[in-house]
N, C-alpha and C. Protein backbone atom coordinates (compact mmCIF):
# COMPACT_ATOMS: atom_id res chain seq x y z
N MET A 1 0.49 36.07 -21.47
CA MET A 1 0.05 34.95 -21.96
C MET A 1 1.32 33.81 -21.17
N ASP A 2 2.45 34.11 -20.95
CA ASP A 2 3.65 33.21 -20.72
C ASP A 2 3.21 33.09 -18.99
N ASP A 3 2.61 34.04 -18.41
CA ASP A 3 2.39 33.76 -16.82
C ASP A 3 1.29 32.63 -16.94
N ASP A 4 0.10 32.79 -17.69
CA ASP A 4 -0.70 31.75 -17.66
C ASP A 4 0.01 30.47 -17.95
N ASP A 5 0.46 30.32 -18.78
CA ASP A 5 1.27 28.98 -19.20
C ASP A 5 2.15 28.63 -18.02
N SER A 6 2.83 29.32 -17.48
CA SER A 6 3.82 28.98 -16.20
C SER A 6 2.82 28.68 -15.14
N GLU A 7 1.81 29.07 -14.88
CA GLU A 7 0.99 28.74 -13.94
C GLU A 7 0.27 27.50 -14.10
N TYR A 8 -0.08 27.42 -15.40
CA TYR A 8 -0.66 25.93 -15.82
C TYR A 8 0.34 24.93 -15.68
N GLN A 9 1.62 25.07 -16.12
CA GLN A 9 2.62 24.21 -15.93
C GLN A 9 2.89 23.90 -14.42
N GLN A 10 2.84 24.87 -13.60
CA GLN A 10 3.25 24.71 -12.24
C GLN A 10 2.26 23.68 -11.67
N ALA A 11 0.80 23.92 -12.11
CA ALA A 11 -0.45 23.41 -11.54
C ALA A 11 -0.53 21.98 -11.99
N ALA A 12 0.19 21.78 -13.39
CA ALA A 12 0.32 20.36 -13.69
C ALA A 12 1.32 19.59 -13.13
N ARG A 13 2.25 20.07 -12.59
CA ARG A 13 3.32 19.46 -12.04
C ARG A 13 2.82 19.01 -10.58
N ALA A 14 2.12 19.98 -9.87
CA ALA A 14 1.76 19.92 -8.64
C ALA A 14 0.73 18.80 -8.61
N SER A 15 -0.09 18.76 -9.64
CA SER A 15 -1.01 17.63 -9.73
C SER A 15 -0.56 16.26 -9.87
N ARG A 16 0.58 16.07 -10.66
CA ARG A 16 1.47 15.06 -11.01
C ARG A 16 1.99 14.43 -9.63
N ARG A 17 2.61 15.30 -8.93
CA ARG A 17 3.41 15.01 -7.97
C ARG A 17 2.17 14.50 -6.84
N ALA A 18 1.03 15.24 -6.78
CA ALA A 18 0.06 14.84 -5.69
C ALA A 18 -0.52 13.34 -6.08
N TRP A 19 -0.51 13.17 -7.22
CA TRP A 19 -1.16 11.68 -7.82
C TRP A 19 -0.11 10.89 -7.46
N SER A 20 1.29 11.05 -7.76
CA SER A 20 2.24 10.17 -7.41
C SER A 20 2.32 9.97 -6.15
N THR A 21 2.34 10.68 -5.23
CA THR A 21 2.42 10.59 -3.77
C THR A 21 1.08 9.58 -3.25
N ILE A 22 -0.03 9.96 -3.91
CA ILE A 22 -1.16 8.95 -3.40
C ILE A 22 -0.99 7.51 -3.77
N ALA A 23 -0.62 7.33 -5.02
CA ALA A 23 -0.29 6.28 -5.95
C ALA A 23 0.87 5.48 -4.95
N TRP A 24 1.83 6.11 -4.66
CA TRP A 24 2.85 5.39 -3.70
C TRP A 24 2.22 4.98 -2.33
N THR A 25 1.59 5.98 -1.91
CA THR A 25 1.10 5.61 -0.52
C THR A 25 0.07 4.71 -0.40
N THR A 26 -0.80 4.69 -1.35
CA THR A 26 -1.75 3.52 -1.44
C THR A 26 -0.87 2.13 -1.89
N GLY A 27 0.18 2.15 -2.87
CA GLY A 27 0.76 0.87 -3.03
C GLY A 27 1.42 0.33 -1.63
N ALA A 28 1.94 1.33 -0.97
CA ALA A 28 2.70 1.06 0.39
C ALA A 28 2.09 0.49 1.41
N LEU A 29 0.72 1.25 1.54
CA LEU A 29 -0.43 0.40 2.39
C LEU A 29 -0.81 -0.74 1.81
N GLY A 30 -1.06 -0.88 0.55
CA GLY A 30 -1.41 -2.19 0.18
C GLY A 30 -0.69 -3.31 0.43
N CYS A 31 0.88 -3.22 0.20
CA CYS A 31 1.89 -4.02 0.64
C CYS A 31 1.76 -4.54 1.97
N THR A 32 1.45 -3.41 2.81
CA THR A 32 1.71 -3.60 4.30
C THR A 32 0.36 -4.36 4.76
N LEU A 33 -0.84 -4.31 4.00
CA LEU A 33 -1.92 -4.99 4.48
C LEU A 33 -1.63 -6.63 4.16
N ILE A 34 -1.04 -6.55 2.78
CA ILE A 34 -1.01 -7.87 2.46
C ILE A 34 0.24 -8.72 3.35
N THR A 35 1.07 -8.08 3.67
CA THR A 35 2.10 -8.59 4.42
C THR A 35 1.28 -9.03 5.70
N ILE A 36 0.69 -8.30 6.17
CA ILE A 36 -0.09 -8.68 7.74
C ILE A 36 -0.85 -9.54 7.48
N ALA A 37 -1.61 -9.64 6.34
CA ALA A 37 -2.41 -10.74 6.14
C ALA A 37 -1.87 -12.11 6.01
N LEU A 38 -0.70 -12.05 5.13
CA LEU A 38 0.12 -13.44 5.28
C LEU A 38 0.78 -13.76 6.45
N LEU A 39 1.08 -12.98 7.31
CA LEU A 39 1.48 -13.29 8.57
C LEU A 39 0.57 -13.84 9.38
N CYS A 40 -0.69 -13.03 9.38
CA CYS A 40 -1.85 -13.87 10.25
C CYS A 40 -2.13 -15.07 9.57
N THR A 41 -2.43 -15.22 8.54
CA THR A 41 -2.48 -16.43 7.91
C THR A 41 -1.61 -17.71 8.17
N ALA A 42 -0.25 -17.08 8.24
CA ALA A 42 0.93 -18.38 8.49
C ALA A 42 0.74 -18.50 10.09
N ALA A 43 0.31 -17.52 10.79
CA ALA A 43 0.02 -17.62 12.47
C ALA A 43 -1.02 -18.87 12.65
N ALA A 44 -2.11 -18.34 11.81
CA ALA A 44 -3.49 -19.23 12.16
C ALA A 44 -2.96 -20.58 11.56
N VAL A 45 -2.41 -20.65 10.62
CA VAL A 45 -2.04 -22.18 10.09
C VAL A 45 -1.13 -23.02 11.10
N ALA A 46 -0.07 -22.11 11.74
CA ALA A 46 0.65 -22.78 12.48
C ALA A 46 -0.08 -23.39 14.02
N CYS A 47 -1.03 -22.34 14.23
CA CYS A 47 -1.87 -22.58 15.38
C CYS A 47 -2.83 -23.94 15.27
N LEU A 48 -3.40 -23.80 14.05
CA LEU A 48 -4.08 -25.08 13.72
C LEU A 48 -3.39 -26.31 13.75
N TYR A 49 -2.14 -26.18 13.32
CA TYR A 49 -1.23 -27.30 13.37
C TYR A 49 -0.77 -27.84 14.50
N VAL A 50 -0.54 -27.07 15.41
CA VAL A 50 -0.16 -27.49 16.77
C VAL A 50 -1.40 -27.89 17.67
N VAL A 51 -2.63 -27.25 17.44
CA VAL A 51 -3.85 -28.04 17.87
C VAL A 51 -4.38 -29.34 17.43
N VAL A 52 -4.04 -29.69 15.96
CA VAL A 52 -4.37 -30.89 15.67
C VAL A 52 -3.08 -31.85 15.95
N ALA A 53 -1.97 -31.36 16.16
CA ALA A 53 -0.93 -32.13 16.48
C ALA A 53 -1.12 -32.50 17.99
N SER A 54 -1.58 -31.72 18.74
CA SER A 54 -1.65 -32.26 20.04
C SER A 54 -2.53 -33.22 20.66
N HIS A 55 -3.46 -33.38 19.47
CA HIS A 55 -4.43 -34.47 19.51
C HIS A 55 -4.11 -35.85 19.45
N TYR A 56 -2.96 -35.95 18.54
CA TYR A 56 -2.48 -37.29 18.22
C TYR A 56 -1.17 -37.66 18.83
């Protein structure tokens, strides 16, 4: 019975570790995508400003 409990505990720890890794990776990718989106938005606004300013 102890072997079954031990195997269950190891499986539970491995599962939690896997989910933690997935959550961390997803969070990191999400932050990276948000950062890229913000930088692209800033670049687009800057380009638009240059285009508009060059006409006046």
